[in-house]
N, C-alpha and C. Protein backbone atom coordinates (compact mmCIF):
# COMPACT_ATOMS: atom_id res chain seq x y z
N MET A 1 28.10 6.48 14.48
CA MET A 1 26.74 5.84 14.36
C MET A 1 25.89 6.53 13.56
N SER A 2 25.21 5.88 12.52
CA SER A 2 24.24 6.59 11.84
C SER A 2 22.96 6.22 12.17
N GLU A 3 22.04 7.15 12.39
CA GLU A 3 20.74 6.92 12.66
C GLU A 3 19.90 6.76 11.28
N GLU A 4 19.13 5.81 11.37
CA GLU A 4 18.27 5.55 10.24
C GLU A 4 16.85 6.10 10.73
N PRO A 5 16.18 6.78 9.71
CA PRO A 5 14.80 7.22 10.00
C PRO A 5 13.85 6.11 10.34
N ALA A 6 12.84 6.53 11.21
CA ALA A 6 11.74 5.55 11.58
C ALA A 6 10.95 5.08 10.34
N ASP A 7 10.35 3.81 10.60
CA ASP A 7 9.63 3.27 9.25
C ASP A 7 8.68 4.30 8.60
N GLU A 8 7.78 5.08 9.57
CA GLU A 8 6.88 6.07 8.95
C GLU A 8 7.74 7.14 8.11
N MET A 9 8.91 7.56 8.58
CA MET A 9 9.55 8.61 7.95
C MET A 9 10.21 8.11 6.45
N ARG A 10 10.52 6.75 6.78
CA ARG A 10 11.26 6.22 5.47
C ARG A 10 10.31 5.97 4.33
N ASP A 11 9.16 5.70 4.63
CA ASP A 11 7.92 5.69 3.36
C ASP A 11 7.85 7.08 2.92
N ASP A 12 8.00 8.09 3.65
CA ASP A 12 7.73 9.41 3.26
C ASP A 12 8.86 10.10 2.42
N ILE A 13 10.14 9.73 2.73
CA ILE A 13 11.23 10.11 1.90
C ILE A 13 11.72 9.40 0.98
N SER A 14 11.42 8.10 0.65
CA SER A 14 11.89 7.40 -0.25
C SER A 14 11.37 7.85 -1.61
N PRO A 15 12.44 7.94 -2.66
CA PRO A 15 11.99 8.59 -3.96
C PRO A 15 11.53 7.44 -4.93
N MET A 16 11.86 6.07 -4.46
CA MET A 16 11.58 5.06 -5.32
C MET A 16 10.03 4.56 -4.94
N ARG A 17 9.40 5.07 -3.96
CA ARG A 17 8.16 4.47 -3.66
C ARG A 17 7.07 4.81 -4.83
N ASP A 18 6.36 3.71 -5.08
CA ASP A 18 5.47 3.91 -6.12
C ASP A 18 4.01 4.29 -5.57
N PRO A 19 3.56 5.66 -6.24
CA PRO A 19 2.24 5.88 -5.65
C PRO A 19 1.06 5.03 -5.83
N ARG A 20 1.07 3.98 -6.76
CA ARG A 20 0.05 3.03 -6.85
C ARG A 20 0.18 2.06 -5.78
N HIS A 21 1.15 1.90 -5.00
CA HIS A 21 1.11 0.89 -3.83
C HIS A 21 1.34 1.84 -2.50
N VAL A 22 0.98 3.16 -2.45
CA VAL A 22 0.60 3.71 -1.35
C VAL A 22 -0.69 3.89 -0.84
N PHE A 23 -1.23 3.62 0.11
CA PHE A 23 -2.59 3.80 0.43
C PHE A 23 -2.70 4.59 1.56
N LEU A 24 -3.48 5.55 1.66
CA LEU A 24 -3.72 6.52 2.66
C LEU A 24 -5.08 6.33 3.54
N THR A 25 -5.17 6.40 4.63
CA THR A 25 -6.15 6.38 5.60
C THR A 25 -7.01 7.48 5.65
N ALA A 26 -8.15 7.60 6.06
CA ALA A 26 -8.99 8.85 5.75
C ALA A 26 -8.20 9.86 6.87
N ARG A 27 -7.67 9.48 8.04
CA ARG A 27 -6.73 10.75 8.75
C ARG A 27 -5.77 11.07 7.89
N ASP A 28 -4.97 10.43 6.90
CA ASP A 28 -3.89 10.81 6.16
C ASP A 28 -4.44 11.85 5.19
N VAL A 29 -5.60 11.36 4.53
CA VAL A 29 -6.10 12.22 3.57
C VAL A 29 -6.62 13.57 4.08
N MET A 30 -6.95 13.51 5.28
CA MET A 30 -7.56 14.95 5.95
C MET A 30 -6.42 15.73 6.25
N HIS A 31 -5.23 15.10 6.71
CA HIS A 31 -4.11 15.92 6.90
C HIS A 31 -3.36 16.41 5.66
N ARG A 32 -3.46 15.72 4.70
CA ARG A 32 -2.91 16.07 3.39
C ARG A 32 -3.35 17.29 2.77
N TYR A 33 -4.82 17.44 3.16
CA TYR A 33 -5.46 18.50 2.55
C TYR A 33 -6.05 19.60 3.60
N GLY A 34 -5.38 19.33 4.72
CA GLY A 34 -5.60 20.30 5.95
C GLY A 34 -7.18 20.64 6.33
N TRP A 35 -7.95 19.54 6.23
CA TRP A 35 -9.29 19.32 6.52
C TRP A 35 -9.17 19.04 7.99
N GLY A 36 -10.38 19.59 8.89
CA GLY A 36 -10.45 19.35 10.16
C GLY A 36 -11.05 17.90 10.35
N LYS A 37 -11.47 17.42 11.34
CA LYS A 37 -12.23 16.00 11.59
C LYS A 37 -13.63 16.02 10.78
N THR A 38 -14.45 17.03 11.39
CA THR A 38 -15.65 17.07 10.83
C THR A 38 -15.86 17.42 9.37
N LYS A 39 -15.30 18.49 8.87
CA LYS A 39 -15.20 18.71 7.59
C LYS A 39 -14.66 17.68 6.42
N GLY A 40 -13.36 17.10 7.16
CA GLY A 40 -12.91 16.04 6.49
C GLY A 40 -13.71 14.78 6.23
N TYR A 41 -14.42 14.35 7.18
CA TYR A 41 -15.29 13.15 7.05
C TYR A 41 -16.63 13.57 6.12
N GLN A 42 -17.11 14.69 6.35
CA GLN A 42 -18.04 15.22 5.35
C GLN A 42 -17.49 15.14 3.65
N ASN A 43 -16.29 15.72 3.54
CA ASN A 43 -15.76 15.77 2.11
C ASN A 43 -15.49 14.53 1.65
N LEU A 44 -15.19 13.47 2.62
CA LEU A 44 -14.62 12.24 2.06
C LEU A 44 -15.77 11.37 1.88
N LYS A 45 -17.08 11.49 2.48
CA LYS A 45 -18.27 10.89 1.90
C LYS A 45 -18.71 11.35 0.47
N ASP A 46 -18.39 12.65 0.27
CA ASP A 46 -18.91 13.44 -0.98
C ASP A 46 -18.17 12.65 -2.22
N ARG A 47 -18.83 11.96 -2.93
CA ARG A 47 -18.12 11.19 -4.01
C ARG A 47 -17.83 12.06 -5.21
N GLU A 48 -18.75 13.30 -5.27
CA GLU A 48 -18.46 14.43 -6.34
C GLU A 48 -17.22 14.99 -6.18
N LEU A 49 -16.93 15.26 -4.79
CA LEU A 49 -15.69 16.13 -4.53
C LEU A 49 -14.32 15.11 -4.48
N VAL A 50 -14.29 14.01 -3.69
CA VAL A 50 -13.13 13.30 -3.52
C VAL A 50 -13.47 11.97 -4.38
N PRO A 51 -12.36 11.31 -4.99
CA PRO A 51 -12.68 10.06 -5.48
C PRO A 51 -12.85 8.94 -4.65
N ALA A 52 -13.64 7.84 -4.84
CA ALA A 52 -13.97 6.73 -3.86
C ALA A 52 -12.82 6.19 -3.39
N PRO A 53 -12.93 5.55 -2.43
CA PRO A 53 -11.74 4.94 -1.64
C PRO A 53 -11.68 3.53 -2.50
N VAL A 54 -10.39 3.03 -2.44
CA VAL A 54 -10.12 1.71 -3.25
C VAL A 54 -10.74 0.64 -2.37
N MET A 55 -10.44 0.55 -1.09
CA MET A 55 -10.96 -0.60 -0.10
C MET A 55 -11.77 0.04 0.75
N ILE A 56 -13.03 -0.40 0.89
CA ILE A 56 -14.07 0.11 1.84
C ILE A 56 -13.87 -0.13 3.36
N HIS A 57 -13.53 -1.33 3.85
CA HIS A 57 -13.31 -1.54 5.23
C HIS A 57 -11.91 -2.14 5.47
N PRO A 58 -10.99 -1.44 6.03
CA PRO A 58 -11.22 -0.09 6.49
C PRO A 58 -11.01 0.86 5.12
N ASP A 59 -11.38 2.12 5.26
CA ASP A 59 -11.34 3.04 4.11
C ASP A 59 -9.95 3.40 3.71
N ARG A 60 -9.22 3.20 2.42
CA ARG A 60 -8.29 3.45 2.16
C ARG A 60 -8.10 4.05 0.66
N TRP A 61 -7.45 5.25 0.44
CA TRP A 61 -7.41 5.85 -0.80
C TRP A 61 -6.04 5.63 -1.31
N ARG A 62 -5.95 5.33 -2.63
CA ARG A 62 -4.79 5.20 -3.24
C ARG A 62 -4.01 6.58 -3.66
N LEU A 63 -2.74 6.76 -3.36
CA LEU A 63 -2.07 7.95 -3.60
C LEU A 63 -2.36 8.56 -5.07
N ASP A 64 -1.93 7.52 -5.96
CA ASP A 64 -1.93 7.84 -7.42
C ASP A 64 -3.20 8.51 -8.00
N GLN A 65 -4.44 7.83 -7.23
CA GLN A 65 -5.58 8.51 -7.62
C GLN A 65 -5.93 9.84 -7.06
N LEU A 66 -5.53 9.97 -5.93
CA LEU A 66 -5.44 11.49 -5.34
C LEU A 66 -4.69 12.59 -5.93
N LEU A 67 -3.52 11.91 -6.63
CA LEU A 67 -2.56 12.81 -7.20
C LEU A 67 -3.59 13.28 -8.89
N ALA A 68 -4.07 12.53 -9.18
CA ALA A 68 -4.72 12.43 -10.47
C ALA A 68 -5.98 13.38 -10.29
N TRP A 69 -6.62 13.29 -9.06
CA TRP A 69 -7.83 14.19 -8.78
C TRP A 69 -7.16 15.58 -8.54
N GLU A 70 -6.03 15.56 -7.83
CA GLU A 70 -5.59 17.08 -7.68
C GLU A 70 -5.36 17.74 -8.99
N GLU A 71 -4.67 16.90 -9.91
CA GLU A 71 -4.37 17.42 -11.20
C GLU A 71 -5.55 18.16 -12.00
N ARG A 72 -6.66 17.29 -11.85
CA ARG A 72 -7.69 17.58 -12.53
C ARG A 72 -8.50 18.86 -11.74
N ARG A 73 -8.32 18.87 -10.75
CA ARG A 73 -8.89 20.21 -9.95
C ARG A 73 -7.99 21.33 -10.15
N MET A 74 -6.69 21.17 -10.31
CA MET A 74 -5.75 22.45 -10.69
C MET A 74 -6.17 22.77 -12.11
N ALA A 75 -6.37 21.95 -13.00
CA ALA A 75 -6.63 22.15 -14.28
C ALA A 75 -7.94 22.97 -14.60
N MET A 76 -9.06 22.45 -13.80
CA MET A 76 -10.53 23.08 -13.89
C MET A 76 -10.11 24.54 -13.12
N ALA A 77 -9.19 24.85 -11.95
CA ALA A 77 -9.15 26.08 -11.54
C ALA A 77 -8.53 27.14 -12.54
N GLU A 78 -7.40 26.55 -13.17
CA GLU A 78 -6.80 27.38 -14.26
C GLU A 78 -7.64 27.80 -15.41
N ALA A 79 -8.53 26.76 -15.88
CA ALA A 79 -9.46 26.89 -16.84
C ALA A 79 -10.47 28.10 -16.51
N ALA A 80 -11.09 28.08 -15.33
CA ALA A 80 -11.90 29.08 -14.64
C ALA A 80 -11.18 30.46 -14.56
N LEU A 81 -9.93 30.49 -14.12
CA LEU A 81 -9.09 31.56 -14.20
C LEU A 81 -8.72 32.28 -15.54
N GLN A 82 -8.71 31.46 -16.33
CA GLN A 82 -8.50 31.97 -17.82
C GLN A 82 -9.84 32.62 -18.48
N SER A 83 -10.87 31.93 -18.18
CA SER A 83 -12.39 32.43 -18.60
C SER A 83 -12.50 33.63 -18.01
N LEU A 84 -12.03 33.97 -16.65
CA LEU A 84 -12.16 35.39 -16.20
C LEU A 84 -11.33 36.36 -16.83
N VAL A 85 -10.21 36.06 -16.92
CA VAL A 85 -9.04 36.92 -17.29
C VAL A 85 -8.57 36.51 -18.62
N ALA A 86 -9.51 36.75 -19.66
CA ALA A 86 -8.98 36.21 -21.14
C ALA A 86 -7.94 36.97 -21.63
N PRO A 87 -7.01 36.60 -22.33
CA PRO A 87 -5.82 37.32 -23.00
C PRO A 87 -6.27 38.18 -24.02
N ASP A 88 -7.50 37.83 -24.69
CA ASP A 88 -7.99 38.64 -25.75
C ASP A 88 -8.36 40.04 -25.33
N ARG A 89 -8.88 40.33 -23.93
CA ARG A 89 -9.34 41.55 -23.64
C ARG A 89 -8.27 42.35 -23.27
N GLU A 90 -8.49 43.69 -23.81
CA GLU A 90 -7.37 44.54 -23.66
C GLU A 90 -6.74 44.84 -22.27
N GLN A 91 -7.74 45.17 -21.40
CA GLN A 91 -7.27 45.54 -20.14
C GLN A 91 -8.59 45.05 -19.11
N VAL A 92 -8.25 44.29 -18.14
CA VAL A 92 -9.48 43.88 -17.13
C VAL A 92 -8.93 44.45 -15.85
N THR A 93 -10.22 45.10 -15.41
CA THR A 93 -9.94 45.80 -13.87
C THR A 93 -10.73 45.05 -12.87
N ILE A 94 -10.66 45.26 -11.67
CA ILE A 94 -11.25 44.52 -10.82
C ILE A 94 -12.72 44.69 -10.57
N THR A 95 -13.15 45.78 -11.18
CA THR A 95 -14.67 46.25 -11.16
C THR A 95 -15.25 45.25 -12.31
N ASP A 96 -14.52 45.02 -13.28
CA ASP A 96 -15.04 43.81 -14.35
C ASP A 96 -15.40 42.73 -13.77
N LEU A 97 -14.71 42.19 -12.68
CA LEU A 97 -14.78 40.77 -12.24
C LEU A 97 -15.83 40.79 -10.98
N LEU A 98 -16.15 42.10 -10.63
CA LEU A 98 -17.30 42.20 -9.35
C LEU A 98 -18.62 42.02 -10.05
N PRO A 99 -19.50 41.54 -9.14
CA PRO A 99 -21.18 41.53 -9.58
C PRO A 99 -21.47 42.97 -10.16
N GLN A 100 -22.21 43.04 -10.97
CA GLN A 100 -22.80 44.63 -11.35
C GLN A 100 -23.92 44.72 -10.60
N PRO A 101 -24.07 46.01 -10.21
CA PRO A 101 -25.20 46.40 -9.34
C PRO A 101 -26.70 46.16 -10.15
N LYS A 102 -27.45 45.88 -9.31
CA LYS A 102 -28.77 45.71 -9.84
C LYS A 102 -29.70 46.84 -10.48
N ARG A 103 -29.36 47.93 -9.80
CA ARG A 103 -30.01 49.15 -10.29
C ARG A 103 -28.93 50.04 -10.63
N ARG A 104 -29.19 50.98 -11.46
CA ARG A 104 -28.55 52.07 -11.87
C ARG A 104 -28.90 53.45 -11.21
N ARG A 105 -27.96 54.27 -10.83
CA ARG A 105 -28.37 55.53 -10.32
C ARG A 105 -29.03 56.33 -11.58
N ARG A 106 -29.80 57.11 -11.14
CA ARG A 106 -30.43 58.07 -11.93
C ARG A 106 -29.44 59.48 -12.25
N SER A 107 -29.36 59.70 -13.21
CA SER A 107 -28.51 60.96 -13.44
C SER A 107 -29.59 62.33 -13.36
N ALA A 108 -29.01 63.29 -12.52
CA ALA A 108 -29.64 64.38 -12.14
C ALA A 108 -29.95 65.29 -13.40
């Protein structure tokens, strides 16, 4: 006897599933990014943070749009990292990355 996975599991493991045809609910999106319920709904309402849902009632997000959004976020994070630790600098120390003190100590 062979056991077939449940319908929910079959959708997740199918390699032929097209992300343009996969719609995630708010709960699925929050689970994907590890957000709690309160923070998740706050983030989902912020259109500058997360792309707008494709269908409004009920809220549904397309997986391909979320994947593209993730790629853009990772590219921005890598660009920010490169600007902090530029390869043309000879040697970067942790003190270079920390905020500089407002006052300098007087020498005696």
